[in-house]
């Protein structure tokens, strides 16, 4: 039977913090778990090698992976931009360590390090400055990809990634979970559609010129004219595009879209620029995001969740940047799982599947549920 444990320390001294979490994990899981995952704030960056060594010496996990983050999660708490170490461990959870590196060639990025014939779930922690996560998602692998991008730094070389006893400041680290570990995922994008869906009738790359046979800007203007004051206020804070994943459906709701940002509009040409490439024939719908919608979306998705433990990868734009109070995403997951062990981090991008396909997200909470 699997055993899980999660522990959080806010002690500013790295040695004291790792000592506190190790004591709790040993009590909950015992020595030599199959997998340990550690998240630390930027304040512990210079001591990250000592943190990894201490975990190995005391806990002796078969596999250890971790990353630095701007904020970390432990249980129902989100420690935002303050010193913290969060440690999670699992027994009966076989995992193979994976070190990924990307090389740019004449045909684009090539990702090296994935085991041949990989199956199961890849839990991966990339550095956003030196590893193109989209290249990993486009390798054609059948592996489900979950995790989040390290977020403790705003420049290359500033993040730290842990894999076993090694520490890296580039690339990506992860673990390939054995297929017998039947994890599930919840990906809460926190948006709701406005107006009506349109079919793209003219586009090139990420530039959408026409929707439903008319200039895209005109279609957007139609939608905006039909909104009430509250919806217009949400639009003023940011507008998004929802891309339908399953075109065979006759009606679309929140969970049917992959959310991407609307990044520009050209009144002269009538075109819209979107944060992804869109093909002619794709169905899209404009979307808005606010705290109430994000709260409702995560609660609704977690209502049907059943798990013994979870890892939470939430966007660094959520937390108190989005919600009125602290600890939102962590608390929702913690309570939905009846106070099961929960750990995680705030990310510079979140990885998780939508409609059976792997994607890189923003402003999303990606939750990995363990059996």
Protein backbone atom coordinates (compact mmCIF):
# COMPACT_ATOMS: atom_id res chain seq x y z
CA UNK A 1 0.00 0.00 0.00
CA UNK A 2 1.29 3.45 -0.92
CA UNK A 3 2.24 5.90 1.80
CA UNK A 4 2.58 9.64 1.28
CA UNK A 5 3.89 12.53 3.32
CA UNK A 6 4.23 16.28 2.92
CA UNK A 7 5.99 18.77 5.18
CA UNK A 8 6.57 22.51 5.12
CA UNK A 9 9.10 24.67 6.96
CA UNK A 10 9.30 28.46 6.93
CA UNK A 11 12.57 28.56 8.87
CA UNK A 12 14.93 31.04 7.15
CA UNK A 13 18.00 28.88 7.89
CA UNK A 14 18.37 26.21 5.21
CA UNK A 15 19.81 23.50 7.49
CA UNK A 16 17.09 24.05 10.08
CA UNK A 17 14.35 24.08 7.44
CA UNK A 18 15.41 20.83 5.80
CA UNK A 19 15.84 19.23 9.21
CA UNK A 20 12.26 20.11 10.15
CA UNK A 21 10.70 18.69 6.99
CA UNK A 22 12.83 15.53 7.07
CA UNK A 23 11.63 14.73 10.56
CA UNK A 24 8.00 14.97 9.51
CA UNK A 25 8.49 12.93 6.35
CA UNK A 26 10.31 10.14 8.21
CA UNK A 27 7.40 9.91 10.63
CA UNK A 28 4.80 9.84 7.85
CA UNK A 29 6.48 7.66 5.22
CA UNK A 30 9.54 6.10 6.82
CA UNK A 31 13.03 5.80 5.32
CA UNK A 32 13.87 4.93 1.72
CA UNK A 33 10.74 6.05 -0.12
CA UNK A 34 10.59 5.47 -3.86
CA UNK A 35 10.24 9.17 -4.66
CA UNK A 36 10.91 12.48 -2.96
CA UNK A 37 10.10 15.91 -4.42
CA UNK A 38 11.41 19.13 -2.89
CA UNK A 39 10.53 22.75 -3.58
CA UNK A 40 12.48 25.64 -2.08
CA UNK A 41 12.20 29.40 -2.18
CA UNK A 42 14.92 31.54 -3.75
CA UNK A 43 16.35 32.33 -0.32
CA UNK A 44 17.61 28.73 -0.05
CA UNK A 45 19.18 28.73 -3.53
CA UNK A 46 22.81 28.98 -2.41
CA UNK A 47 22.35 26.05 -0.01
CA UNK A 48 20.52 23.84 -2.49
CA UNK A 49 23.35 21.27 -2.72
CA UNK A 50 23.34 20.92 1.08
CA UNK A 51 19.55 20.49 1.00
CA UNK A 52 19.83 17.68 -1.55
CA UNK A 53 22.65 15.98 0.39
CA UNK A 54 20.67 16.12 3.64
CA UNK A 55 17.63 14.55 2.02
CA UNK A 56 19.76 11.72 0.65
CA UNK A 57 21.63 11.09 3.88
CA UNK A 58 18.56 11.06 6.11
CA UNK A 59 15.71 9.92 3.88
CA UNK A 60 17.65 7.87 1.24
CA UNK A 61 14.96 8.10 -1.47
CA UNK A 62 15.35 6.00 -4.60
CA UNK A 63 14.66 9.11 -6.69
CA UNK A 64 14.82 12.79 -5.76
CA UNK A 65 13.74 15.73 -7.90
CA UNK A 66 13.20 19.39 -7.05
CA UNK A 67 13.29 23.03 -8.07
CA UNK A 68 13.52 26.55 -6.72
CA UNK A 69 10.38 28.69 -6.92
CA UNK A 70 9.22 32.18 -6.07
CA UNK A 71 6.62 30.65 -3.71
CA UNK A 72 5.98 27.13 -2.41
CA UNK A 73 3.01 25.09 -1.21
CA UNK A 74 2.74 22.77 1.76
CA UNK A 75 -0.57 21.34 2.95
CA UNK A 76 -3.20 24.12 2.86
CA UNK A 77 -0.58 26.89 2.91
CA UNK A 78 0.97 28.97 0.15
CA UNK A 79 4.16 30.68 1.31
CA UNK A 80 4.47 33.56 -1.13
CA UNK A 81 7.85 35.21 -1.68
CA UNK A 82 9.15 34.22 1.77
CA UNK A 83 11.69 31.57 2.88
CA UNK A 84 10.24 28.07 2.72
CA UNK A 85 11.08 24.43 2.02
CA UNK A 86 8.36 21.97 1.03
CA UNK A 87 9.15 18.24 0.90
CA UNK A 88 6.89 15.47 -0.40
CA UNK A 89 7.60 11.74 -0.49
CA UNK A 90 5.89 8.53 -1.57
CA UNK A 91 6.44 4.83 -1.09
CA UNK A 92 5.18 2.24 -3.57
CA UNK A 93 5.70 4.82 -6.31
CA UNK A 94 8.46 3.54 -8.63
CA UNK A 95 10.13 6.35 -10.59
CA UNK A 96 13.03 6.67 -13.00
CA UNK A 97 15.16 9.83 -12.84
CA UNK A 98 15.30 11.82 -16.09
CA UNK A 99 17.69 14.63 -17.08
CA UNK A 100 16.54 16.51 -20.17
CA UNK A 101 18.51 18.90 -22.35
CA UNK A 102 17.52 20.68 -25.55
CA UNK A 103 19.71 21.47 -28.55
CA UNK A 104 18.68 23.78 -31.36
CA UNK A 105 19.38 22.38 -34.81
CA UNK A 106 18.48 23.32 -38.39
CA UNK A 107 15.06 21.69 -37.97
CA UNK A 108 14.30 23.28 -34.61
CA UNK A 109 14.76 22.07 -31.06
CA UNK A 110 15.72 18.48 -30.28
CA UNK A 111 15.16 17.13 -26.77
CA UNK A 112 17.56 14.55 -25.42
CA UNK A 113 17.34 12.39 -22.33
CA UNK A 114 13.91 10.78 -22.60
CA UNK A 115 14.11 7.00 -22.06
CA UNK A 116 13.36 4.91 -25.13
CA UNK A 117 9.75 3.69 -25.32
CA UNK A 118 8.83 5.85 -22.32
CA UNK A 119 5.40 5.12 -20.86
CA UNK A 120 3.45 6.36 -17.89
CA UNK A 121 3.63 9.89 -16.54
CA UNK A 122 6.57 12.28 -16.78
CA UNK A 123 6.77 14.69 -13.85
CA UNK A 124 9.12 17.39 -15.12
CA UNK A 125 10.58 20.64 -13.73
CA UNK A 126 12.12 22.74 -16.53
CA UNK A 127 14.12 25.95 -16.37
CA UNK A 128 12.10 28.46 -18.42
CA UNK A 129 15.17 30.24 -19.85
CA UNK A 130 17.17 27.27 -21.14
CA UNK A 131 14.61 24.57 -21.91
CA UNK A 132 11.82 24.94 -24.52
CA UNK A 133 8.98 22.99 -22.91
CA UNK A 134 6.94 23.08 -26.11
CA UNK A 135 9.65 21.01 -27.80
CA UNK A 136 9.19 18.30 -25.17
CA UNK A 137 5.43 18.31 -25.71
CA UNK A 138 5.87 17.96 -29.47
CA UNK A 139 8.11 14.88 -29.41
CA UNK A 140 5.17 12.59 -30.21
CA UNK A 141 5.64 10.57 -27.03
CA UNK A 142 2.57 8.89 -25.53
CA UNK A 143 3.75 9.93 -22.07
CA UNK A 144 1.51 12.23 -20.04
CA UNK A 145 3.55 15.30 -19.08
CA UNK A 146 2.86 17.17 -15.82
CA UNK A 147 4.79 19.63 -13.69
CA UNK A 148 5.83 23.26 -13.72
CA UNK A 149 8.60 25.64 -14.71
CA UNK A 150 11.03 26.85 -12.05
CA UNK A 151 10.23 30.41 -11.02
CA UNK A 152 12.79 31.62 -8.47
CA UNK A 153 14.69 33.83 -10.91
CA UNK A 154 14.08 36.31 -13.71
CA UNK A 155 17.22 35.50 -15.69
CA UNK A 156 19.13 32.49 -17.09
CA UNK A 157 21.24 30.69 -14.51
CA UNK A 158 19.20 31.92 -11.57
CA UNK A 159 17.08 28.83 -10.97
CA UNK A 160 18.26 25.59 -9.41
CA UNK A 161 17.08 22.10 -10.32
CA UNK A 162 17.73 18.99 -8.22
CA UNK A 163 18.08 15.48 -9.60
CA UNK A 164 19.43 12.97 -7.13
CA UNK A 165 22.56 14.47 -5.61
CA UNK A 166 23.16 16.71 -8.63
CA UNK A 167 22.16 20.38 -8.96
CA UNK A 168 21.68 22.11 -12.33
CA UNK A 169 20.92 25.66 -13.39
CA UNK A 170 19.66 24.79 -16.87
CA UNK A 171 17.68 22.25 -18.86
CA UNK A 172 15.03 20.19 -17.11
CA UNK A 173 14.86 17.45 -14.50
CA UNK A 174 12.11 14.98 -13.82
CA UNK A 175 11.00 11.50 -13.01
CA UNK A 176 9.17 9.00 -15.17
CA UNK A 177 6.53 7.38 -13.01
CA UNK A 178 5.94 3.70 -13.60
CA UNK A 179 2.70 3.04 -15.55
CA UNK A 180 1.43 1.06 -12.56
CA UNK A 181 1.25 4.36 -10.64
CA UNK A 182 -2.11 5.46 -12.03
CA UNK A 183 -1.96 9.21 -11.44
CA UNK A 184 -4.71 11.52 -12.64
CA UNK A 185 -4.56 15.22 -13.40
CA UNK A 186 -6.78 18.23 -12.88
CA UNK A 187 -5.97 21.28 -15.01
CA UNK A 188 -7.90 24.37 -13.94
CA UNK A 189 -7.47 27.24 -16.41
CA UNK A 190 -9.90 29.50 -14.54
CA UNK A 191 -11.55 31.13 -17.55
CA UNK A 192 -15.12 31.35 -18.77
CA UNK A 193 -16.34 31.97 -22.32
CA UNK A 194 -18.13 35.14 -23.42
CA UNK A 195 -20.19 35.69 -26.55
CA UNK A 196 -20.44 32.87 -29.05
CA UNK A 197 -17.94 30.52 -30.69
CA UNK A 198 -16.55 31.29 -34.15
CA UNK A 199 -14.78 29.23 -36.79
CA UNK A 200 -11.49 30.68 -38.02
CA UNK A 201 -11.81 31.25 -41.76
CA UNK A 202 -8.47 32.97 -42.44
CA UNK A 203 -5.22 32.79 -40.49
CA UNK A 204 -1.46 32.50 -40.75
CA UNK A 205 0.56 31.27 -37.79
CA UNK A 206 -0.67 33.16 -34.74
CA UNK A 207 -2.38 35.90 -36.79
CA UNK A 208 -6.13 35.42 -37.12
CA UNK A 209 -7.54 37.56 -39.93
CA UNK A 210 -11.11 36.28 -40.18
CA UNK A 211 -13.63 34.56 -37.93
CA UNK A 212 -16.87 33.31 -39.45
CA UNK A 213 -16.06 35.02 -42.73
CA UNK A 214 -15.61 38.50 -41.22
CA UNK A 215 -12.57 40.41 -39.92
CA UNK A 216 -11.57 39.10 -36.51
CA UNK A 217 -11.55 42.59 -34.98
CA UNK A 218 -15.16 43.09 -36.11
CA UNK A 219 -16.18 39.83 -34.45
CA UNK A 220 -14.50 40.94 -31.24
CA UNK A 221 -16.23 44.31 -31.41
CA UNK A 222 -19.62 42.54 -31.79
CA UNK A 223 -18.94 40.52 -28.65
CA UNK A 224 -17.84 43.54 -26.62
CA UNK A 225 -20.98 45.49 -27.55
CA UNK A 226 -23.13 42.69 -26.14
CA UNK A 227 -21.45 42.54 -22.72
CA UNK A 228 -22.76 43.99 -19.49
CA UNK A 229 -20.70 46.39 -17.36
CA UNK A 230 -19.29 43.63 -15.14
CA UNK A 231 -18.06 41.62 -18.12
CA UNK A 232 -16.54 44.71 -19.74
CA UNK A 233 -14.62 45.34 -16.52
CA UNK A 234 -13.17 41.81 -16.76
CA UNK A 235 -12.22 42.35 -20.40
CA UNK A 236 -10.30 45.47 -19.40
CA UNK A 237 -8.11 43.29 -17.18
CA UNK A 238 -7.21 40.93 -20.01
CA UNK A 239 -8.88 39.04 -22.82
CA UNK A 240 -8.14 35.48 -23.87
CA UNK A 241 -8.96 33.06 -26.65
CA UNK A 242 -10.30 29.57 -25.97
CA UNK A 243 -9.33 27.00 -28.59
CA UNK A 244 -11.72 24.06 -28.81
CA UNK A 245 -9.94 20.76 -28.20
CA UNK A 246 -12.65 18.36 -29.43
CA UNK A 247 -14.28 19.70 -32.59
CA UNK A 248 -16.79 16.84 -32.59
CA UNK A 249 -18.78 18.37 -29.75
CA UNK A 250 -21.91 20.35 -30.58
CA UNK A 251 -21.70 22.60 -27.51
CA UNK A 252 -18.69 23.93 -25.62
CA UNK A 253 -18.19 24.74 -21.96
CA UNK A 254 -15.24 25.89 -19.84
CA UNK A 255 -13.39 22.58 -19.82
CA UNK A 256 -13.52 22.22 -23.60
CA UNK A 257 -11.01 24.97 -24.35
CA UNK A 258 -7.26 25.44 -24.35
CA UNK A 259 -6.75 29.01 -23.14
CA UNK A 260 -4.29 31.31 -24.87
CA UNK A 261 -3.73 35.05 -24.55
CA UNK A 262 -4.95 37.68 -26.98
CA UNK A 263 -1.77 39.68 -27.50
CA UNK A 264 -2.66 42.30 -30.09
CA UNK A 265 -5.15 43.76 -32.58
CA UNK A 266 -4.69 45.65 -35.84
CA UNK A 267 -7.63 47.93 -36.68
CA UNK A 268 -6.39 48.53 -40.24
CA UNK A 269 -6.17 44.88 -41.26
CA UNK A 270 -8.84 43.62 -38.86
CA UNK A 271 -6.52 40.88 -37.58
CA UNK A 272 -5.89 39.60 -34.05
CA UNK A 273 -2.61 38.22 -32.72
CA UNK A 274 -2.97 35.17 -30.44
CA UNK A 275 -0.45 33.41 -28.21
CA UNK A 276 -0.48 30.25 -30.33
CA UNK A 277 -0.67 29.12 -33.95
CA UNK A 278 -4.23 28.59 -35.17
CA UNK A 279 -5.33 26.80 -38.31
CA UNK A 280 -8.28 27.56 -40.55
CA UNK A 281 -11.30 25.57 -39.40
CA UNK A 282 -10.45 25.80 -35.70
CA UNK A 283 -13.31 26.79 -33.40
CA UNK A 284 -12.52 29.53 -30.88
CA UNK A 285 -14.37 31.61 -28.31
CA UNK A 286 -13.29 34.72 -26.41
CA UNK A 287 -12.68 34.20 -22.68
CA UNK A 288 -12.33 36.25 -19.49
CA UNK A 289 -10.67 35.35 -16.20
CA UNK A 290 -11.37 36.60 -12.70
CA UNK A 291 -10.98 35.36 -9.15
CA UNK A 292 -14.57 34.15 -8.87
CA UNK A 293 -14.36 32.13 -12.09
CA UNK A 294 -10.96 30.67 -11.15
CA UNK A 295 -12.30 29.70 -7.73
CA UNK A 296 -15.43 28.08 -9.16
CA UNK A 297 -13.47 26.23 -11.83
CA UNK A 298 -10.95 24.65 -9.44
CA UNK A 299 -13.61 23.71 -6.89
CA UNK A 300 -15.77 22.13 -9.57
CA UNK A 301 -12.90 20.06 -10.95
CA UNK A 302 -11.70 18.99 -7.51
CA UNK A 303 -15.22 18.01 -6.39
CA UNK A 304 -14.92 14.77 -8.35
CA UNK A 305 -11.30 14.14 -7.37
CA UNK A 306 -10.35 11.18 -5.23
CA UNK A 307 -6.72 10.72 -4.27
CA UNK A 308 -4.41 9.89 -1.38
CA UNK A 309 -2.04 12.79 -2.11
CA UNK A 310 -1.37 15.58 -4.60
CA UNK A 311 1.30 17.82 -6.08
CA UNK A 312 0.09 21.29 -7.07
CA UNK A 313 1.72 23.41 -9.78
CA UNK A 314 0.05 26.81 -9.82
CA UNK A 315 0.89 29.97 -11.75
CA UNK A 316 2.88 32.71 -10.04
CA UNK A 317 0.15 35.06 -11.28
CA UNK A 318 -2.40 33.37 -9.05
CA UNK A 319 -2.15 33.38 -5.25
CA UNK A 320 -2.74 36.82 -3.75
CA UNK A 321 -2.11 38.37 -7.18
CA UNK A 322 -5.49 36.95 -8.27
CA UNK A 323 -7.45 36.05 -5.14
CA UNK A 324 -8.39 38.36 -2.28
CA UNK A 325 -6.90 36.14 0.43
CA UNK A 326 -3.88 33.83 0.73
CA UNK A 327 -3.62 30.05 0.27
CA UNK A 328 -6.45 29.70 -2.26
CA UNK A 329 -5.36 26.86 -4.55
CA UNK A 330 -3.56 24.90 -1.83
CA UNK A 331 -6.52 25.11 0.53
CA UNK A 332 -9.05 24.05 -2.12
CA UNK A 333 -7.00 20.97 -3.04
CA UNK A 334 -6.19 20.13 0.59
CA UNK A 335 -9.83 20.24 1.69
CA UNK A 336 -11.12 18.42 -1.42
CA UNK A 337 -8.76 15.53 -0.66
CA UNK A 338 -9.84 15.51 3.00
CA UNK A 339 -6.55 16.89 4.28
CA UNK A 340 -4.33 14.44 2.41
CA UNK A 341 -0.61 15.29 1.99
CA UNK A 342 -0.21 18.17 -0.49
CA UNK A 343 2.92 19.97 -1.73
CA UNK A 344 3.82 22.11 -4.71
CA UNK A 345 5.15 25.36 -6.09
CA UNK A 346 4.27 28.54 -7.95
CA UNK A 347 5.47 28.26 -11.53
CA UNK A 348 6.53 30.30 -14.54
CA UNK A 349 4.32 28.01 -16.63
CA UNK A 350 2.34 24.88 -15.85
CA UNK A 351 2.29 21.54 -17.66
CA UNK A 352 -0.72 19.28 -17.89
CA UNK A 353 -3.07 17.55 -20.34
CA UNK A 354 -6.29 18.97 -21.77
CA UNK A 355 -8.48 16.65 -23.82
CA UNK A 356 -5.83 13.94 -23.71
CA UNK A 357 -3.07 16.17 -25.15
CA UNK A 358 -0.13 17.70 -23.30
CA UNK A 359 0.10 21.49 -23.13
CA UNK A 360 2.07 24.31 -21.53
CA UNK A 361 -0.27 26.71 -19.73
CA UNK A 362 -0.28 30.07 -18.00
CA UNK A 363 -2.43 31.33 -15.09
CA UNK A 364 -3.38 27.70 -14.48
CA UNK A 365 -3.43 25.29 -11.56
CA UNK A 366 -2.22 21.84 -12.65
CA UNK A 367 -2.84 19.22 -9.95
CA UNK A 368 -1.27 15.75 -10.02
CA UNK A 369 -3.42 13.26 -8.07
CA UNK A 370 -1.80 10.10 -6.67
CA UNK A 371 -3.73 6.87 -6.02
